[in-house]
Amino acid sequence: TSDDKIIAVDSKVTLDGNSLYRHKDYAAMRDVSEEDA
């Protein structure tokens, strides 16, 4: 930024589906409407 902060303006995050059993909160973020039905 103009005052020398460093920030993430956008983000693309892809999670390893095999690890979701230990990240129940992340698994709940799944949006099936974005996937092939």
All heavy atoms as atom14 arrays in JSON, in Angstrom:
{
  "sequence": "TSDDKIIAVDSKVTLDGNSLYRHKDYAAMRDVSEEDA",
  "atom14_mask": [
    [1, 1, 1, 1, 1, 1, 1, 0, 0, 0, 0, 0, 0, 0],
    [1, 1, 1, 1, 1, 1, 0, 0, 0, 0, 0, 0, 0, 0],
    [1, 1, 1, 1, 1, 1, 1, 1, 0, 0, 0, 0, 0, 0],
    [1, 1, 1, 1, 1, 1, 1, 1, 0, 0, 0, 0, 0, 0],
    [1, 1, 1, 1, 1, 1, 1, 1, 1, 0, 0, 0, 0, 0],
    [1, 1, 1, 1, 1, 1, 1, 1, 0, 0, 0, 0, 0, 0],
    [1, 1, 1, 1, 1, 1, 1, 1, 0, 0, 0, 0, 0, 0],
    [1, 1, 1, 1, 1, 0, 0, 0, 0, 0, 0, 0, 0, 0],
    [1, 1, 1, 1, 1, 1, 1, 0, 0, 0, 0, 0, 0, 0],
    [1, 1, 1, 1, 1, 1, 1, 1, 0, 0, 0, 0, 0, 0],
    [1, 1, 1, 1, 1, 1, 0, 0, 0, 0, 0, 0, 0, 0],
    [1, 1, 1, 1, 1, 1, 1, 1, 1, 0, 0, 0, 0, 0],
    [1, 1, 1, 1, 1, 1, 1, 0, 0, 0, 0, 0, 0, 0],
    [1, 1, 1, 1, 1, 1, 1, 0, 0, 0, 0, 0, 0, 0],
    [1, 1, 1, 1, 1, 1, 1, 1, 0, 0, 0, 0, 0, 0],
    [1, 1, 1, 1, 1, 1, 1, 1, 0, 0, 0, 0, 0, 0],
    [1, 1, 1, 1, 0, 0, 0, 0, 0, 0, 0, 0, 0, 0],
    [1, 1, 1, 1, 1, 1, 1, 1, 0, 0, 0, 0, 0, 0],
    [1, 1, 1, 1, 1, 1, 0, 0, 0, 0, 0, 0, 0, 0],
    [1, 1, 1, 1, 1, 1, 1, 1, 0, 0, 0, 0, 0, 0],
    [1, 1, 1, 1, 1, 1, 1, 1, 1, 1, 1, 1, 0, 0],
    [1, 1, 1, 1, 1, 1, 1, 1, 1, 1, 1, 0, 0, 0],
    [1, 1, 1, 1, 1, 1, 1, 1, 1, 1, 0, 0, 0, 0],
    [1, 1, 1, 1, 1, 1, 1, 1, 1, 0, 0, 0, 0, 0],
    [1, 1, 1, 1, 1, 1, 1, 1, 0, 0, 0, 0, 0, 0],
    [1, 1, 1, 1, 1, 1, 1, 1, 1, 1, 1, 1, 0, 0],
    [1, 1, 1, 1, 1, 0, 0, 0, 0, 0, 0, 0, 0, 0],
    [1, 1, 1, 1, 1, 0, 0, 0, 0, 0, 0, 0, 0, 0],
    [1, 1, 1, 1, 1, 1, 1, 1, 0, 0, 0, 0, 0, 0],
    [1, 1, 1, 1, 1, 1, 1, 1, 1, 1, 1, 0, 0, 0],
    [1, 1, 1, 1, 1, 1, 1, 1, 0, 0, 0, 0, 0, 0],
    [1, 1, 1, 1, 1, 1, 1, 0, 0, 0, 0, 0, 0, 0],
    [1, 1, 1, 1, 1, 1, 0, 0, 0, 0, 0, 0, 0, 0],
    [1, 1, 1, 1, 1, 1, 1, 1, 1, 0, 0, 0, 0, 0],
    [1, 1, 1, 1, 1, 1, 1, 1, 1, 0, 0, 0, 0, 0],
    [1, 1, 1, 1, 1, 1, 1, 1, 0, 0, 0, 0, 0, 0],
    [1, 1, 1, 1, 1, 0, 0, 0, 0, 0, 0, 0, 0, 0]
  ],
  "atom14_positions": [
    [[0.83, -1.2, 0.0], [0.0, 0.0, 0.0], [0.87, 1.26, 0.0], [2.1, 1.19, 0.14], [-0.92, 0.02, 1.23], [-0.11, 0.11, 2.41], [-1.77, -1.25, 1.29], [0.0, 0.0, 0.0], [0.0, 0.0, 0.0], [0.0, 0.0, 0.0], [0.0, 0.0, 0.0], [0.0, 0.0, 0.0], [0.0, 0.0, 0.0], [0.0, 0.0, 0.0]],
    [[0.22, 2.39, -0.13], [0.95, 3.66, -0.17], [1.63, 3.98, 1.16], [2.53, 4.82, 1.2], [0.01, 4.79, -0.56], [-1.05, 4.9, 0.38], [0.0, 0.0, 0.0], [0.0, 0.0, 0.0], [0.0, 0.0, 0.0], [0.0, 0.0, 0.0], [0.0, 0.0, 0.0], [0.0, 0.0, 0.0], [0.0, 0.0, 0.0], [0.0, 0.0, 0.0]],
    [[1.21, 3.33, 2.25], [1.87, 3.52, 3.54], [2.66, 2.29, 3.96], [2.86, 2.01, 5.15], [0.86, 3.92, 4.62], [-0.33, 2.95, 4.71], [-0.37, 2.01, 3.89], [-1.18, 3.14, 5.58], [0.0, 0.0, 0.0], [0.0, 0.0, 0.0], [0.0, 0.0, 0.0], [0.0, 0.0, 0.0], [0.0, 0.0, 0.0], [0.0, 0.0, 0.0]],
    [[3.08, 1.5, 2.97], [4.02, 0.39, 3.14], [3.49, -0.8, 3.94], [4.25, -1.57, 4.53], [5.34, 0.87, 3.77], [6.18, 1.68, 2.8], [5.91, 1.61, 1.58], [7.1, 2.4, 3.25], [0.0, 0.0, 0.0], [0.0, 0.0, 0.0], [0.0, 0.0, 0.0], [0.0, 0.0, 0.0], [0.0, 0.0, 0.0], [0.0, 0.0, 0.0]],
    [[2.19, -1.01, 3.92], [1.63, -2.25, 4.45], [1.64, -3.3, 3.35], [1.59, -2.97, 2.16], [0.2, -2.03, 4.94], [0.08, -1.09, 6.13], [-1.38, -0.86, 6.49], [-1.51, 0.12, 7.65], [-2.94, 0.41, 7.95], [0.0, 0.0, 0.0], [0.0, 0.0, 0.0], [0.0, 0.0, 0.0], [0.0, 0.0, 0.0], [0.0, 0.0, 0.0]],
    [[1.69, -4.57, 3.71], [1.64, -5.67, 2.75], [0.39, -6.48, 3.05], [0.24, -7.03, 4.14], [2.88, -6.58, 2.83], [4.16, -5.76, 2.63], [2.78, -7.71, 1.81], [4.3, -5.13, 1.26], [0.0, 0.0, 0.0], [0.0, 0.0, 0.0], [0.0, 0.0, 0.0], [0.0, 0.0, 0.0], [0.0, 0.0, 0.0], [0.0, 0.0, 0.0]],
    [[-0.53, -6.55, 2.08], [-1.79, -7.25, 2.31], [-2.18, -8.12, 1.12], [-1.77, -7.86, -0.02], [-2.94, -6.25, 2.61], [-3.18, -5.34, 1.41], [-2.67, -5.44, 3.85], [-4.39, -4.44, 1.59], [0.0, 0.0, 0.0], [0.0, 0.0, 0.0], [0.0, 0.0, 0.0], [0.0, 0.0, 0.0], [0.0, 0.0, 0.0], [0.0, 0.0, 0.0]],
    [[-2.98, -9.14, 1.4], [-3.54, -10.0, 0.36], [-4.84, -9.37, -0.13], [-5.81, -9.3, 0.61], [-3.8, -11.4, 0.9], [0.0, 0.0, 0.0], [0.0, 0.0, 0.0], [0.0, 0.0, 0.0], [0.0, 0.0, 0.0], [0.0, 0.0, 0.0], [0.0, 0.0, 0.0], [0.0, 0.0, 0.0], [0.0, 0.0, 0.0], [0.0, 0.0, 0.0]],
    [[-4.83, -8.93, -1.37], [-6.03, -8.3, -1.94], [-6.98, -9.36, -2.49], [-8.19, -9.2, -2.49], [-5.63, -7.29, -3.04], [-6.86, -6.74, -3.76], [-4.84, -6.15, -2.43], [0.0, 0.0, 0.0], [0.0, 0.0, 0.0], [0.0, 0.0, 0.0], [0.0, 0.0, 0.0], [0.0, 0.0, 0.0], [0.0, 0.0, 0.0], [0.0, 0.0, 0.0]],
    [[-6.44, -10.45, -2.99], [-7.25, -11.55, -3.51], [-6.69, -12.84, -2.92], [-5.57, -12.86, -2.39], [-7.19, -11.58, -5.03], [-8.27, -12.46, -5.66], [-9.09, -13.02, -4.9], [-8.28, -12.6, -6.89], [0.0, 0.0, 0.0], [0.0, 0.0, 0.0], [0.0, 0.0, 0.0], [0.0, 0.0, 0.0], [0.0, 0.0, 0.0], [0.0, 0.0, 0.0]],
    [[-7.43, -13.91, -3.02], [-6.91, -15.2, -2.56], [-7.59, -16.33, -3.31], [-8.8, -16.3, -3.53], [-7.13, -15.39, -1.06], [-8.46, -15.74, -0.78], [0.0, 0.0, 0.0], [0.0, 0.0, 0.0], [0.0, 0.0, 0.0], [0.0, 0.0, 0.0], [0.0, 0.0, 0.0], [0.0, 0.0, 0.0], [0.0, 0.0, 0.0], [0.0, 0.0, 0.0]],
    [[-6.78, -17.29, -3.73], [-7.3, -18.55, -4.24], [-6.7, -19.64, -3.37], [-5.48, -19.83, -3.35], [-6.94, -18.77, -5.71], [-7.46, -20.1, -6.23], [-7.24, -20.28, -7.71], [-7.81, -21.61, -8.18], [-7.65, -21.83, -9.63], [0.0, 0.0, 0.0], [0.0, 0.0, 0.0], [0.0, 0.0, 0.0], [0.0, 0.0, 0.0], [0.0, 0.0, 0.0]],
    [[-7.55, -20.34, -2.64], [-7.1, -21.38, -1.72], [-7.72, -22.71, -2.13], [-8.94, -22.81, -2.28], [-7.48, -21.04, -0.27], [-7.15, -22.2, 0.66], [-6.75, -19.78, 0.19], [0.0, 0.0, 0.0], [0.0, 0.0, 0.0], [0.0, 0.0, 0.0], [0.0, 0.0, 0.0], [0.0, 0.0, 0.0], [0.0, 0.0, 0.0], [0.0, 0.0, 0.0]],
    [[-6.87, -23.7, -2.33], [-7.32, -25.05, -2.63], [-6.81, -25.97, -1.53], [-5.61, -26.01, -1.26], [-6.79, -25.52, -3.99], [-7.23, -24.62, -5.01], [-7.3, -26.91, -4.33], [0.0, 0.0, 0.0], [0.0, 0.0, 0.0], [0.0, 0.0, 0.0], [0.0, 0.0, 0.0], [0.0, 0.0, 0.0], [0.0, 0.0, 0.0], [0.0, 0.0, 0.0]],
    [[-7.73, -26.68, -0.9], [-7.38, -27.56, 0.21], [-7.27, -29.01, -0.26], [-7.97, -29.43, -1.17], [-8.43, -27.47, 1.32], [-8.68, -26.09, 1.91], [-9.76, -26.16, 2.97], [-7.4, -25.51, 2.51], [0.0, 0.0, 0.0], [0.0, 0.0, 0.0], [0.0, 0.0, 0.0], [0.0, 0.0, 0.0], [0.0, 0.0, 0.0], [0.0, 0.0, 0.0]],
    [[-6.39, -29.76, 0.39], [-6.24, -31.19, 0.13], [-7.44, -31.9, 0.73], [-7.61, -31.95, 1.96], [-4.94, -31.69, 0.75], [-4.69, -33.17, 0.49], [-5.59, -33.85, -0.04], [-3.58, -33.63, 0.81], [0.0, 0.0, 0.0], [0.0, 0.0, 0.0], [0.0, 0.0, 0.0], [0.0, 0.0, 0.0], [0.0, 0.0, 0.0], [0.0, 0.0, 0.0]],
    [[-8.29, -32.47, -0.13], [-9.5, -33.12, 0.34], [-9.25, -34.29, 1.26], [-10.08, -34.63, 2.11], [0.0, 0.0, 0.0], [0.0, 0.0, 0.0], [0.0, 0.0, 0.0], [0.0, 0.0, 0.0], [0.0, 0.0, 0.0], [0.0, 0.0, 0.0], [0.0, 0.0, 0.0], [0.0, 0.0, 0.0], [0.0, 0.0, 0.0], [0.0, 0.0, 0.0]],
    [[-8.08, -34.91, 1.14], [-7.76, -36.05, 2.0], [-7.49, -35.65, 3.44], [-7.43, -36.5, 4.32], [-6.53, -36.79, 1.45], [-6.79, -37.41, 0.09], [-7.82, -38.03, -0.1], [-5.89, -37.22, -0.85], [0.0, 0.0, 0.0], [0.0, 0.0, 0.0], [0.0, 0.0, 0.0], [0.0, 0.0, 0.0], [0.0, 0.0, 0.0], [0.0, 0.0, 0.0]],
    [[-7.33, -34.35, 3.69], [-7.03, -33.89, 5.05], [-8.25, -33.29, 5.74], [-8.16, -32.89, 6.91], [-5.93, -32.82, 5.0], [-6.43, -31.6, 4.46], [0.0, 0.0, 0.0], [0.0, 0.0, 0.0], [0.0, 0.0, 0.0], [0.0, 0.0, 0.0], [0.0, 0.0, 0.0], [0.0, 0.0, 0.0], [0.0, 0.0, 0.0], [0.0, 0.0, 0.0]],
    [[-9.37, -33.25, 5.06], [-10.53, -32.54, 5.62], [-11.1, -33.22, 6.85], [-11.83, -32.6, 7.63], [-11.61, -32.39, 4.55], [-11.26, -31.42, 3.4], [-12.36, -31.41, 2.37], [-11.02, -30.02, 3.94], [0.0, 0.0, 0.0], [0.0, 0.0, 0.0], [0.0, 0.0, 0.0], [0.0, 0.0, 0.0], [0.0, 0.0, 0.0], [0.0, 0.0, 0.0]],
    [[-10.78, -34.49, 7.06], [-11.28, -35.18, 8.26], [-10.76, -34.52, 9.53], [-11.36, -34.63, 10.6], [-10.89, -36.66, 8.23], [-9.42, -36.92, 8.46], [-8.93, -37.19, 9.74], [-8.51, -36.89, 7.41], [-7.58, -37.43, 9.97], [-7.17, -37.12, 7.62], [-6.71, -37.39, 8.9], [-5.37, -37.61, 9.11], [0.0, 0.0, 0.0], [0.0, 0.0, 0.0]],
    [[-9.64, -33.82, 9.45], [-9.11, -33.13, 10.63], [-9.33, -31.62, 10.57], [-8.77, -30.88, 11.39], [-7.62, -33.45, 10.81], [-6.73, -33.09, 9.66], [-5.33, -33.63, 9.91], [-4.4, -33.33, 8.84], [-3.21, -33.9, 8.71], [-2.82, -34.8, 9.58], [-2.4, -33.57, 7.72], [0.0, 0.0, 0.0], [0.0, 0.0, 0.0], [0.0, 0.0, 0.0]],
    [[-10.12, -31.18, 9.61], [-10.48, -29.76, 9.5], [-11.98, -29.66, 9.23], [-12.42, -29.26, 8.14], [-9.71, -29.09, 8.36], [-8.22, -29.08, 8.53], [-7.58, -28.34, 9.5], [-7.25, -29.74, 7.86], [-6.27, -28.53, 9.4], [-6.04, -29.38, 8.42], [0.0, 0.0, 0.0], [0.0, 0.0, 0.0], [0.0, 0.0, 0.0], [0.0, 0.0, 0.0]],
    [[-12.77, -30.02, 10.21], [-14.22, -30.04, 10.02], [-14.76, -28.66, 9.67], [-15.73, -28.52, 8.92], [-14.9, -30.55, 11.29], [-14.46, -31.95, 11.74], [-14.77, -33.01, 10.71], [-14.4, -34.4, 11.23], [-14.61, -35.45, 10.22], [0.0, 0.0, 0.0], [0.0, 0.0, 0.0], [0.0, 0.0, 0.0], [0.0, 0.0, 0.0], [0.0, 0.0, 0.0]],
    [[-14.13, -27.61, 10.24], [-14.59, -26.25, 9.95], [-14.33, -25.88, 8.5], [-15.15, -25.19, 7.87], [-13.92, -25.25, 10.89], [-12.39, -25.41, 10.93], [-11.88, -26.48, 10.53], [-11.72, -24.47, 11.4], [0.0, 0.0, 0.0], [0.0, 0.0, 0.0], [0.0, 0.0, 0.0], [0.0, 0.0, 0.0], [0.0, 0.0, 0.0], [0.0, 0.0, 0.0]],
    [[-13.23, -26.34, 7.94], [-12.96, -26.07, 6.53], [-13.87, -26.89, 5.63], [-14.35, -26.42, 4.6], [-11.5, -26.38, 6.18], [-10.47, -25.56, 6.94], [-9.16, -25.98, 7.03], [-10.82, -24.36, 7.56], [-8.21, -25.25, 7.72], [-9.88, -23.62, 8.25], [-8.57, -24.07, 8.33], [-7.63, -23.33, 9.02], [0.0, 0.0, 0.0], [0.0, 0.0, 0.0]],
    [[-14.11, -28.15, 6.02], [-14.99, -29.02, 5.23], [-16.38, -28.41, 5.11], [-17.05, -28.55, 4.07], [-15.06, -30.4, 5.85], [0.0, 0.0, 0.0], [0.0, 0.0, 0.0], [0.0, 0.0, 0.0], [0.0, 0.0, 0.0], [0.0, 0.0, 0.0], [0.0, 0.0, 0.0], [0.0, 0.0, 0.0], [0.0, 0.0, 0.0], [0.0, 0.0, 0.0]],
    [[-16.82, -27.7, 6.15], [-18.14, -27.07, 6.14], [-18.22, -25.91, 5.15], [-19.31, -25.43, 4.83], [-18.5, -26.58, 7.54], [0.0, 0.0, 0.0], [0.0, 0.0, 0.0], [0.0, 0.0, 0.0], [0.0, 0.0, 0.0], [0.0, 0.0, 0.0], [0.0, 0.0, 0.0], [0.0, 0.0, 0.0], [0.0, 0.0, 0.0], [0.0, 0.0, 0.0]],
    [[-17.08, -25.45, 4.66], [-17.05, -24.35, 3.7], [-17.36, -24.8, 2.27], [-17.49, -23.96, 1.37], [-15.68, -23.66, 3.7], [-15.33, -22.96, 4.99], [-13.67, -22.2, 4.87], [-13.55, -21.37, 6.46], [0.0, 0.0, 0.0], [0.0, 0.0, 0.0], [0.0, 0.0, 0.0], [0.0, 0.0, 0.0], [0.0, 0.0, 0.0], [0.0, 0.0, 0.0]],
    [[-17.47, -26.08, 2.05], [-17.68, -26.59, 0.69], [-18.95, -26.01, 0.09], [-20.01, -26.0, 0.72], [-17.78, -28.11, 0.72], [-17.94, -28.73, -0.66], [-18.12, -30.24, -0.56], [-18.28, -30.85, -1.88], [-18.66, -32.1, -2.07], [-18.91, -32.88, -1.03], [-18.79, -32.58, -3.29], [0.0, 0.0, 0.0], [0.0, 0.0, 0.0], [0.0, 0.0, 0.0]],
    [[-18.85, -25.54, -1.14], [-20.0, -24.99, -1.87], [-20.29, -25.91, -3.05], [-19.68, -25.79, -4.12], [-19.7, -23.57, -2.35], [-20.9, -22.89, -3.0], [-21.92, -23.57, -3.22], [-20.8, -21.69, -3.31], [0.0, 0.0, 0.0], [0.0, 0.0, 0.0], [0.0, 0.0, 0.0], [0.0, 0.0, 0.0], [0.0, 0.0, 0.0], [0.0, 0.0, 0.0]],
    [[-21.23, -26.83, -2.86], [-21.51, -27.82, -3.91], [-22.16, -27.18, -5.13], [-22.13, -27.76, -6.23], [-22.4, -28.96, -3.38], [-21.68, -29.77, -2.33], [-23.72, -28.43, -2.84], [0.0, 0.0, 0.0], [0.0, 0.0, 0.0], [0.0, 0.0, 0.0], [0.0, 0.0, 0.0], [0.0, 0.0, 0.0], [0.0, 0.0, 0.0], [0.0, 0.0, 0.0]],
    [[-22.73, -25.98, -4.99], [-23.33, -25.31, -6.15], [-22.27, -24.91, -7.17], [-22.6, -24.65, -8.34], [-24.12, -24.07, -5.7], [-23.25, -23.05, -5.22], [0.0, 0.0, 0.0], [0.0, 0.0, 0.0], [0.0, 0.0, 0.0], [0.0, 0.0, 0.0], [0.0, 0.0, 0.0], [0.0, 0.0, 0.0], [0.0, 0.0, 0.0], [0.0, 0.0, 0.0]],
    [[-21.0, -24.86, -6.76], [-19.91, -24.51, -7.66], [-19.3, -25.75, -8.33], [-18.41, -25.63, -9.16], [-18.81, -23.77, -6.89], [-19.19, -22.37, -6.47], [-19.25, -21.4, -7.63], [-18.47, -21.56, -8.58], [-20.09, -20.48, -7.59], [0.0, 0.0, 0.0], [0.0, 0.0, 0.0], [0.0, 0.0, 0.0], [0.0, 0.0, 0.0], [0.0, 0.0, 0.0]],
    [[-19.76, -26.93, -7.94], [-19.2, -28.17, -8.47], [-20.13, -28.8, -9.49], [-21.32, -28.46, -9.56], [-18.94, -29.15, -7.32], [-17.99, -28.61, -6.25], [-17.83, -29.57, -5.09], [-17.99, -30.79, -5.29], [-17.55, -29.1, -3.98], [0.0, 0.0, 0.0], [0.0, 0.0, 0.0], [0.0, 0.0, 0.0], [0.0, 0.0, 0.0], [0.0, 0.0, 0.0]],
    [[-19.59, -29.71, -10.27], [-20.38, -30.47, -11.22], [-21.4, -31.31, -10.46], [-21.05, -32.11, -9.6], [-19.46, -31.37, -12.06], [-20.21, -32.12, -13.15], [-20.93, -33.07, -12.8], [-20.06, -31.77, -14.32], [0.0, 0.0, 0.0], [0.0, 0.0, 0.0], [0.0, 0.0, 0.0], [0.0, 0.0, 0.0], [0.0, 0.0, 0.0], [0.0, 0.0, 0.0]],
    [[-22.7, -31.12, -10.78], [-23.77, -31.79, -10.02], [-23.65, -33.32, -10.09], [-23.92, -34.01, -9.11], [-25.13, -31.34, -10.55], [0.0, 0.0, 0.0], [0.0, 0.0, 0.0], [0.0, 0.0, 0.0], [0.0, 0.0, 0.0], [0.0, 0.0, 0.0], [0.0, 0.0, 0.0], [0.0, 0.0, 0.0], [0.0, 0.0, 0.0], [0.0, 0.0, 0.0]]
  ]
}
